[in-house]
Protein backbone atom coordinates (compact mmCIF):
# COMPACT_ATOMS: atom_id res chain seq x y z
CA MET A 1 -20.89 -35.99 -26.06
CA LYS A 2 -19.52 -34.10 -29.09
CA THR A 3 -16.58 -35.91 -30.77
CA SER A 4 -14.87 -32.53 -31.12
CA PHE A 5 -14.30 -32.29 -27.35
CA VAL A 6 -10.83 -32.66 -26.08
CA PHE A 7 -10.76 -33.98 -22.51
CA MET A 8 -7.87 -33.71 -20.22
CA THR A 9 -7.66 -35.20 -16.72
CA VAL A 10 -6.33 -34.27 -13.57
CA LEU A 11 -5.55 -37.18 -11.59
CA ALA A 12 -3.06 -39.87 -11.34
CA LEU A 13 0.07 -41.73 -11.18
CA LEU A 14 -0.35 -43.43 -14.57
CA ALA A 15 -1.14 -41.64 -17.84
CA MET A 16 -3.16 -43.69 -20.34
CA SER A 17 -4.38 -43.07 -23.86
CA VAL A 18 -8.08 -43.48 -24.23
CA VAL A 19 -9.72 -44.79 -27.36
CA GLY A 20 -13.30 -45.71 -28.20
CA CYS A 21 -16.63 -44.22 -27.50
CA ALA A 22 -17.55 -41.17 -25.43
CA LEU A 23 -17.74 -40.90 -21.72
CA PRO A 24 -20.89 -42.56 -20.15
CA ARG A 25 -23.22 -40.16 -18.30
CA ALA A 26 -24.84 -41.87 -15.36
CA LEU A 27 -25.43 -38.78 -13.24
CA VAL A 28 -25.48 -35.20 -14.02
CA THR A 29 -24.89 -32.72 -11.25
CA GLY A 30 -25.29 -29.02 -11.99
CA PRO A 31 -23.34 -26.10 -10.72
CA VAL A 32 -23.74 -25.56 -7.02
CA PRO A 33 -23.44 -22.17 -5.25
CA THR A 34 -20.17 -21.97 -3.39
CA THR A 35 -21.85 -21.81 0.07
CA GLY A 36 -19.71 -24.71 1.29
CA GLU A 37 -22.22 -25.74 3.90
CA GLU A 38 -23.22 -29.04 2.33
CA ALA A 39 -20.65 -29.43 -0.33
CA ASN A 40 -18.32 -32.51 0.06
CA PHE A 41 -16.25 -31.94 -3.25
CA ARG A 42 -14.51 -28.89 -4.61
CA PHE A 43 -12.74 -28.88 -7.97
CA LEU A 44 -9.96 -26.34 -8.35
CA ILE A 45 -7.65 -25.32 -11.25
CA SER A 46 -4.02 -24.33 -10.75
CA ASP A 47 -1.07 -23.58 -13.16
CA GLU A 48 2.39 -24.95 -12.69
CA ASN A 49 5.26 -22.56 -13.28
CA ASN A 50 6.42 -23.05 -16.84
CA ALA A 51 5.73 -20.93 -19.92
CA ILE A 52 2.75 -19.17 -18.33
CA ALA A 53 4.96 -16.11 -17.70
CA ASP A 54 4.99 -15.57 -21.51
CA PHE A 55 1.27 -14.63 -21.40
CA ALA A 56 -0.54 -11.50 -20.40
CA ARG A 57 -3.61 -13.77 -20.05
CA LEU A 58 -4.43 -17.40 -21.09
CA ASP A 59 -8.11 -18.01 -21.16
CA VAL A 60 -9.48 -21.62 -21.04
CA ILE A 61 -13.14 -22.50 -21.21
CA ILE A 62 -13.66 -25.78 -19.46
CA SER A 63 -17.02 -27.06 -20.67
CA GLU A 64 -17.48 -30.16 -18.45
CA ILE A 65 -15.74 -32.12 -15.63
CA GLY A 66 -16.09 -35.86 -15.52
CA VAL A 67 -15.25 -37.94 -12.37
CA HIS A 68 -15.36 -41.71 -12.26
CA GLN A 69 -16.67 -43.56 -9.16
CA SER A 70 -15.41 -47.15 -8.78
CA GLY A 71 -16.86 -50.01 -6.77
CA GLU A 72 -20.28 -51.44 -7.28
CA SER A 73 -21.69 -48.24 -8.75
CA ALA A 74 -18.82 -47.93 -11.33
CA THR A 75 -20.37 -44.83 -12.81
CA TRP A 76 -19.40 -41.50 -14.25
CA HIS A 77 -20.52 -38.22 -12.78
CA THR A 78 -20.59 -35.19 -15.05
CA LEU A 79 -20.16 -31.68 -13.46
CA ASN A 80 -21.00 -28.34 -15.17
CA PRO A 81 -18.29 -25.91 -14.04
CA ASN A 82 -19.01 -22.20 -13.25
CA PRO A 83 -18.83 -20.39 -16.75
CA ASP A 84 -17.04 -17.45 -15.17
CA PRO A 85 -15.24 -18.80 -12.08
CA ASP A 86 -12.85 -15.84 -11.65
CA GLY A 87 -15.72 -13.31 -11.86
CA ASP A 88 -14.12 -11.07 -14.45
CA GLY A 89 -17.13 -11.10 -16.88
CA THR A 90 -15.31 -13.19 -19.46
CA PRO A 91 -16.41 -16.84 -20.16
CA GLY A 92 -13.75 -19.30 -18.96
CA LEU A 93 -10.84 -19.07 -16.70
CA ASN A 94 -7.70 -16.93 -16.98
CA LEU A 95 -4.81 -19.10 -15.93
CA ARG A 96 -2.27 -16.26 -15.69
CA PRO A 97 -3.20 -15.25 -12.07
CA LEU A 98 -3.05 -18.88 -11.02
CA GLU A 99 0.73 -19.37 -11.48
CA GLY A 100 2.32 -21.37 -8.82
CA ALA A 101 0.47 -22.56 -5.74
CA LYS A 102 -2.68 -20.43 -6.36
CA ALA A 103 -5.90 -22.40 -7.17
CA LEU A 104 -9.43 -21.36 -7.97
CA ALA A 105 -12.54 -23.45 -7.55
CA ILE A 106 -14.61 -23.95 -10.76
CA TRP A 107 -17.08 -26.37 -9.24
CA GLU A 108 -18.31 -27.01 -5.69
CA GLY A 109 -21.13 -29.38 -4.67
CA THR A 110 -22.04 -32.79 -3.39
CA LEU A 111 -20.98 -36.18 -4.84
CA PRO A 112 -21.97 -39.64 -3.45
CA ALA A 113 -19.58 -40.95 -0.90
CA GLY A 114 -17.17 -43.54 -2.31
CA ASP A 115 -13.86 -44.24 -4.04
CA TYR A 116 -13.07 -42.39 -7.26
CA THR A 117 -10.38 -43.19 -9.76
CA LYS A 118 -10.31 -40.70 -12.63
CA VAL A 119 -11.16 -37.06 -13.30
CA PHE A 120 -11.45 -35.45 -16.70
CA ILE A 121 -11.74 -31.86 -17.90
CA TYR A 122 -13.16 -31.06 -21.40
CA VAL A 123 -11.76 -28.24 -23.49
CA GLU A 124 -12.09 -27.51 -27.16
CA ASP A 125 -9.10 -26.08 -29.04
CA GLU A 126 -11.08 -23.05 -30.07
CA ASP A 127 -11.90 -22.31 -26.47
CA ILE A 128 -8.20 -21.64 -25.59
CA THR A 129 -7.08 -17.99 -26.10
CA GLY A 130 -3.62 -16.94 -25.19
CA VAL A 131 -2.47 -13.22 -25.39
CA LEU A 132 1.26 -12.84 -25.20
CA LEU A 133 2.82 -10.48 -22.69
CA ASP A 134 5.37 -8.91 -25.11
CA GLY A 135 3.36 -9.26 -28.28
CA ASP A 136 1.33 -6.03 -28.40
CA GLY A 137 -1.85 -7.99 -28.05
CA GLU A 138 -0.76 -10.80 -30.34
CA THR A 139 -2.53 -14.13 -29.60
CA ALA A 140 -0.42 -17.31 -29.34
CA ASP A 141 -1.19 -20.65 -30.91
CA VAL A 142 -2.06 -22.87 -28.02
CA LYS A 143 -3.03 -26.50 -28.64
CA LEU A 144 -3.84 -29.70 -26.68
CA PRO A 145 -1.52 -32.59 -27.21
CA SER A 146 -4.23 -35.09 -28.32
CA ASN A 147 -7.96 -35.37 -28.56
CA LYS A 148 -8.34 -37.66 -25.67
CA LEU A 149 -6.19 -37.70 -22.49
CA GLN A 150 -6.73 -39.37 -19.22
CA ILE A 151 -4.88 -39.21 -16.01
CA SER A 152 -5.90 -41.37 -13.07
CA LYS A 153 -5.32 -40.44 -9.44
CA PRO A 154 -7.60 -42.05 -6.93
CA PHE A 155 -9.37 -40.19 -3.95
CA THR A 156 -12.09 -40.97 -1.58
CA ILE A 157 -15.24 -38.90 -0.63
CA SER A 158 -16.79 -39.51 2.73
CA ASP A 159 -19.91 -38.11 4.35
CA ASP A 160 -18.03 -35.94 6.87
CA SER A 161 -15.37 -34.11 5.06
CA VAL A 162 -14.73 -31.89 2.02
CA VAL A 163 -12.35 -33.10 -0.68
CA GLU A 164 -10.58 -30.42 -2.50
CA PHE A 165 -9.20 -31.76 -5.76
CA VAL A 166 -6.61 -29.57 -7.63
CA TYR A 167 -6.20 -29.93 -11.41
CA ASP A 168 -2.89 -28.49 -12.33
CA ILE A 169 -2.59 -27.33 -15.90
CA THR A 170 0.67 -26.24 -17.46
CA VAL A 171 1.44 -24.50 -20.77
CA VAL A 172 4.82 -25.41 -22.37
CA LYS A 173 6.53 -23.81 -25.28
CA ALA A 174 6.84 -26.28 -28.27
CA GLY A 175 10.38 -25.66 -29.61
CA LYS A 176 11.13 -22.42 -31.48
CA ASN A 177 8.03 -22.24 -33.73
CA GLY A 178 6.09 -20.07 -31.46
CA LYS A 179 3.53 -22.74 -30.58
CA TYR A 180 2.37 -23.75 -27.05
CA ILE A 181 0.95 -26.91 -25.67
CA LEU A 182 -1.46 -27.07 -22.82
CA LYS A 183 -1.47 -30.20 -20.71
CA PRO A 184 -2.00 -31.48 -17.19
CA GLN A 185 0.81 -31.57 -14.63
CA ILE A 186 0.42 -35.00 -12.96
CA ALA A 187 2.79 -34.59 -10.06
CA GLN A 188 0.95 -31.44 -8.73
CA SER A 189 -2.64 -32.63 -9.28
CA GLY A 190 -5.00 -34.44 -6.94
CA ALA A 191 -6.45 -34.17 -3.47
CA ASP A 192 -4.63 -32.73 -0.55
CA GLN A 193 -2.36 -30.42 -2.43
CA ASP A 194 -0.72 -27.43 -0.69
CA ILE A 195 -2.40 -24.50 -2.35
CA ASP A 196 -3.52 -20.92 -1.90
CA ASP A 197 -7.18 -20.93 -2.55
CA VAL A 198 -7.93 -17.63 -4.39
CA THR A 199 -11.58 -18.43 -5.24
CA PRO A 200 -13.57 -15.07 -5.27
CA ASP A 201 -15.63 -14.43 -2.28
CA GLY A 202 -18.50 -12.80 -4.13
CA ASP A 203 -18.38 -9.82 -6.48
CA LEU A 204 -15.76 -7.21 -5.74
CA GLU A 205 -17.21 -3.98 -4.19
CA ILE A 206 -16.07 -0.96 -2.29
CA ILE A 207 -18.00 -0.98 1.04
CA THR A 208 -16.80 2.36 2.60
CA PRO A 209 -19.46 5.11 2.54
CA SER A 210 -18.72 7.82 -0.03
CA LEU A 211 -18.57 10.74 2.55
CA LEU A 212 -15.22 10.44 4.17
CA PRO A 213 -14.31 12.17 7.55
CA ASP A 214 -13.67 15.95 7.39
CA GLY A 215 -10.13 17.26 7.75
CA VAL A 216 -8.43 20.41 8.83
CA VAL A 217 -5.64 22.29 7.16
CA GLY A 218 -2.36 21.57 8.98
CA GLU A 219 -3.69 18.64 11.03
CA GLU A 220 -2.79 14.97 10.28
CA TYR A 221 -5.53 13.14 8.48
CA GLU A 222 -6.27 9.40 8.15
CA ALA A 223 -9.14 7.44 6.57
CA GLU A 224 -9.35 4.02 5.08
CA VAL A 225 -11.32 2.88 2.01
CA GLU A 226 -12.25 -0.73 2.18
CA ALA A 227 -13.45 -3.47 -0.24
CA ASP A 228 -15.03 -6.87 -0.05
CA GLY A 229 -15.22 -9.84 -2.34
CA GLY A 230 -13.09 -10.66 -5.37
CA ILE A 231 -9.66 -12.10 -4.92
CA GLU A 232 -7.15 -10.52 -2.58
CA PRO A 233 -4.73 -8.82 -2.62
CA TYR A 234 -6.38 -5.54 -3.85
CA THR A 235 -4.61 -2.68 -5.61
CA TRP A 236 -5.98 0.86 -5.00
CA SER A 237 -5.73 4.03 -7.22
CA ILE A 238 -7.24 7.32 -7.87
CA VAL A 239 -8.91 7.72 -11.26
CA SER A 240 -6.79 10.61 -12.58
CA ASP A 241 -9.42 12.20 -14.87
CA ASP A 242 -12.21 12.22 -12.26
CA GLY A 243 -11.16 14.53 -9.41
CA ASP A 244 -8.21 14.66 -7.07
CA LEU A 245 -7.44 14.02 -3.34
CA PRO A 246 -7.07 17.08 -1.14
CA ASP A 247 -3.70 18.76 -1.48
CA GLY A 248 -1.26 17.04 0.86
CA LEU A 249 -3.08 13.74 1.02
CA GLU A 250 -1.97 10.37 -0.57
CA LEU A 251 -3.59 6.96 -1.17
CA ASN A 252 -1.76 3.89 -0.13
CA THR A 253 -2.11 1.57 -3.20
CA GLU A 254 -1.78 -1.67 -1.07
CA THR A 255 -4.12 -0.87 1.81
CA GLY A 256 -6.59 1.82 0.59
CA GLU A 257 -5.53 4.15 3.37
CA ILE A 258 -5.81 7.95 2.65
CA TYR A 259 -3.35 9.78 4.72
CA GLY A 260 -1.21 12.93 5.11
CA THR A 261 -1.64 16.56 6.14
CA PRO A 262 -4.02 18.72 4.16
CA THR A 263 -2.63 22.00 2.96
CA THR A 264 -5.62 23.74 1.28
CA GLU A 265 -9.20 24.09 2.50
CA GLY A 266 -12.09 23.18 0.22
CA GLU A 267 -14.54 20.50 -0.96
CA TYR A 268 -12.91 17.68 -2.75
CA GLU A 269 -14.53 15.00 -4.92
CA PHE A 270 -12.61 12.16 -6.48
CA THR A 271 -13.02 8.55 -7.61
CA VAL A 272 -11.23 5.65 -6.07
CA GLN A 273 -10.60 2.33 -7.97
CA VAL A 274 -9.95 -1.04 -6.44
CA GLU A 275 -8.65 -3.91 -8.61
CA ASP A 276 -8.04 -7.55 -7.88
CA GLU A 277 -6.57 -10.20 -10.14
CA SER A 278 -9.55 -10.39 -12.37
CA GLU A 279 -11.82 -7.26 -12.10
CA SER A 280 -11.99 -3.61 -10.88
CA VAL A 281 -14.72 -1.34 -9.42
CA THR A 282 -14.84 2.37 -8.73
CA GLU A 283 -16.69 4.58 -6.21
CA GLU A 284 -16.86 8.38 -5.85
CA PHE A 285 -15.81 9.94 -2.58
CA SER A 286 -15.68 13.39 -1.00
CA ILE A 287 -13.70 15.01 1.72
CA SER A 288 -14.20 18.44 3.27
CA ILE A 289 -11.06 20.23 4.46
CA ALA A 290 -11.67 23.15 6.80
CA ALA A 291 -9.31 26.11 7.28
CA ALA A 292 -6.68 25.92 9.96
CA VAL A 293 -7.94 27.00 13.31
CA GLY A 294 -6.15 29.11 15.93
CA GLU A 295 -5.59 28.14 19.48
CA LEU A 296 -8.76 28.23 21.69
CA GLU A 297 -8.61 31.06 24.29
CA ILE A 298 -10.92 32.98 26.52
CA THR A 299 -10.77 36.67 25.58
CA THR A 300 -12.90 38.29 28.28
CA PRO A 301 -10.98 40.22 31.01
CA SER A 302 -10.92 38.46 34.25
CA LEU A 303 -12.62 41.27 36.26
CA LEU A 304 -16.35 41.11 35.46
CA PRO A 305 -18.82 43.99 36.12
CA ASP A 306 -19.94 44.45 39.65
CA GLY A 307 -23.51 43.48 40.69
CA VAL A 308 -26.01 44.58 43.41
CA VAL A 309 -28.11 42.23 45.59
CA GLY A 310 -31.64 42.01 44.33
CA GLU A 311 -30.90 43.60 41.00
CA GLU A 312 -30.75 41.62 37.74
CA TYR A 313 -27.25 40.81 36.62
CA GLU A 314 -25.82 40.02 33.07
CA ALA A 315 -22.29 39.59 31.78
CA GLU A 316 -20.87 37.45 28.93
CA VAL A 317 -17.69 35.46 28.80
CA GLU A 318 -16.31 35.13 25.21
CA ALA A 319 -13.74 32.98 23.46
CA ASP A 320 -11.83 32.95 20.11
CA GLY A 321 -10.11 30.29 18.01
CA GLY A 322 -10.73 26.55 18.01
CA ILE A 323 -13.67 24.99 16.28
CA GLU A 324 -17.14 26.22 17.19
CA SER A 325 -19.50 25.45 18.78
CA TYR A 326 -18.22 26.14 22.43
CA THR A 327 -19.32 24.48 25.61
CA TRP A 328 -18.99 26.53 28.92
CA SER A 329 -18.69 25.34 32.39
CA ILE A 330 -17.59 26.34 35.92
CA VAL A 331 -14.58 24.38 37.28
CA SER A 332 -16.36 23.10 40.43
CA ASP A 333 -13.35 22.79 42.67
CA ASP A 334 -12.07 26.25 42.02
CA GLY A 335 -14.55 28.74 43.44
CA ASP A 336 -18.23 29.41 42.72
CA LEU A 337 -20.39 32.01 41.09
CA PRO A 338 -22.15 34.57 43.36
CA ASP A 339 -25.33 33.15 44.92
CA GLY A 340 -28.27 33.56 42.60
CA LEU A 341 -26.25 33.64 39.32
CA GLU A 342 -25.93 30.91 36.68
CA LEU A 343 -23.71 30.22 33.62
CA ASN A 344 -25.31 29.50 30.19
CA THR A 345 -23.32 26.41 29.00
CA GLU A 346 -24.00 27.23 25.31
CA THR A 347 -23.42 31.06 25.23
CA GLY A 348 -21.10 31.76 28.13
CA GLU A 349 -23.55 34.24 29.58
CA ILE A 350 -23.52 34.77 33.33
CA TYR A 351 -27.01 35.90 34.48
CA GLY A 352 -29.49 35.99 37.32
CA THR A 353 -30.23 38.09 40.49
CA PRO A 354 -27.54 38.13 43.17
CA THR A 355 -28.78 37.32 46.65
CA THR A 356 -25.62 37.71 48.81
CA ALA A 357 -23.08 40.59 48.91
CA GLY A 358 -19.42 39.73 48.71
CA ASP A 359 -16.31 39.20 46.51
CA TYR A 360 -16.50 36.04 44.43
CA GLU A 361 -13.70 34.31 42.56
CA PHE A 362 -14.26 31.34 40.17
CA THR A 363 -12.80 29.55 37.15
CA VAL A 364 -14.62 29.21 33.76
CA GLN A 365 -13.73 26.55 31.15
CA VAL A 366 -14.55 26.54 27.51
CA GLU A 367 -14.36 23.53 25.22
CA ASP A 368 -14.63 23.47 21.42
CA ASP A 369 -15.76 20.74 18.97
CA SER A 370 -12.24 19.40 18.62
CA ALA A 371 -11.92 18.85 22.46
CA GLN A 372 -9.56 21.88 22.91
CA THR A 373 -10.08 23.55 26.21
CA ASP A 374 -9.11 26.83 27.91
CA THR A 375 -9.74 28.06 31.44
CA GLN A 376 -9.57 31.45 33.12
CA GLU A 377 -10.09 32.82 36.59
CA PHE A 378 -12.74 35.56 37.05
CA SER A 379 -13.98 37.68 39.91
CA ILE A 380 -17.27 39.59 40.55
CA HIS A 381 -17.97 42.01 43.46
CA ILE A 382 -21.68 42.10 44.71
CA ASP A 383 -22.82 45.20 46.71
CA ALA A 384 -25.41 45.01 49.46
């Protein structure tokens, strides 16, 4: 191992200075995909509340993790952490979003069952970058307290459970000289900590299809844009220089819901952005807003033309308003058409050849695409 490495550990009731040679490497276990199906050990990083609030971000590249197994094997296992555990495209881990009880897994895989006594993490001074919150992008001088630190905190791995070990890092301000020190927080490190696991569930992506439901001027509208992956909670926004929502609609920045009452018809294209604690993605969407529609009503007078038995008959019932297309029907329990006549359910035309003289009364219903309906009574006289 390079002598320039600084290693810090996560574990224990007793802090001890380590001197001498580099850590033995008896077993090397590479990064394991976070499927969790066979993993029995997860290594998470958290950040105790201290001076972290001074930073816009505090990136730390953890090059290796070392865990010591006791007993007859008495060996070290070296783990290679995920180089971009928070998925923001930047090597290392930004500690700023991990303030408090939040923790993020940087390694997940399988270790031999047994008792373990120590855990180290290895960080080089040049792999710590702190950007101050109120410093106009100014970087802070963040150092480790010594070249070699060890904290021991025993834990046991068995064949039938998953151990989640939390390494709690804290950054403290060193007096008034503007320097900071990065060190482990012993009390809140170890297994069985009460944490909020914010490990990304795959890459952040917007999963809602780009063509959103149509709307109508003056009618309440609601649609939801959804995302998957990343680290919740999400923050939603409209990319201001790439289109706008329909007039009268708004985006809920916490839920991704688009809601309101459209005021202007038209075709609208816009871009939605979703952001989590480490990354953001965008997607283009479109909504079509139709003009307001009037109330659906049947406009044909109720007294239809007379017919004659044996002679071809034709009359058309018409409607206005609503949203076309219309569907026509006879209300079955409220009279019947003259014998021999039929109603075209698509056009409203009554046609055929009457077979029986008489006076006929019946009710016609029309329904539009928005499920509005209207009914009207009609009558036809058929001569012999």
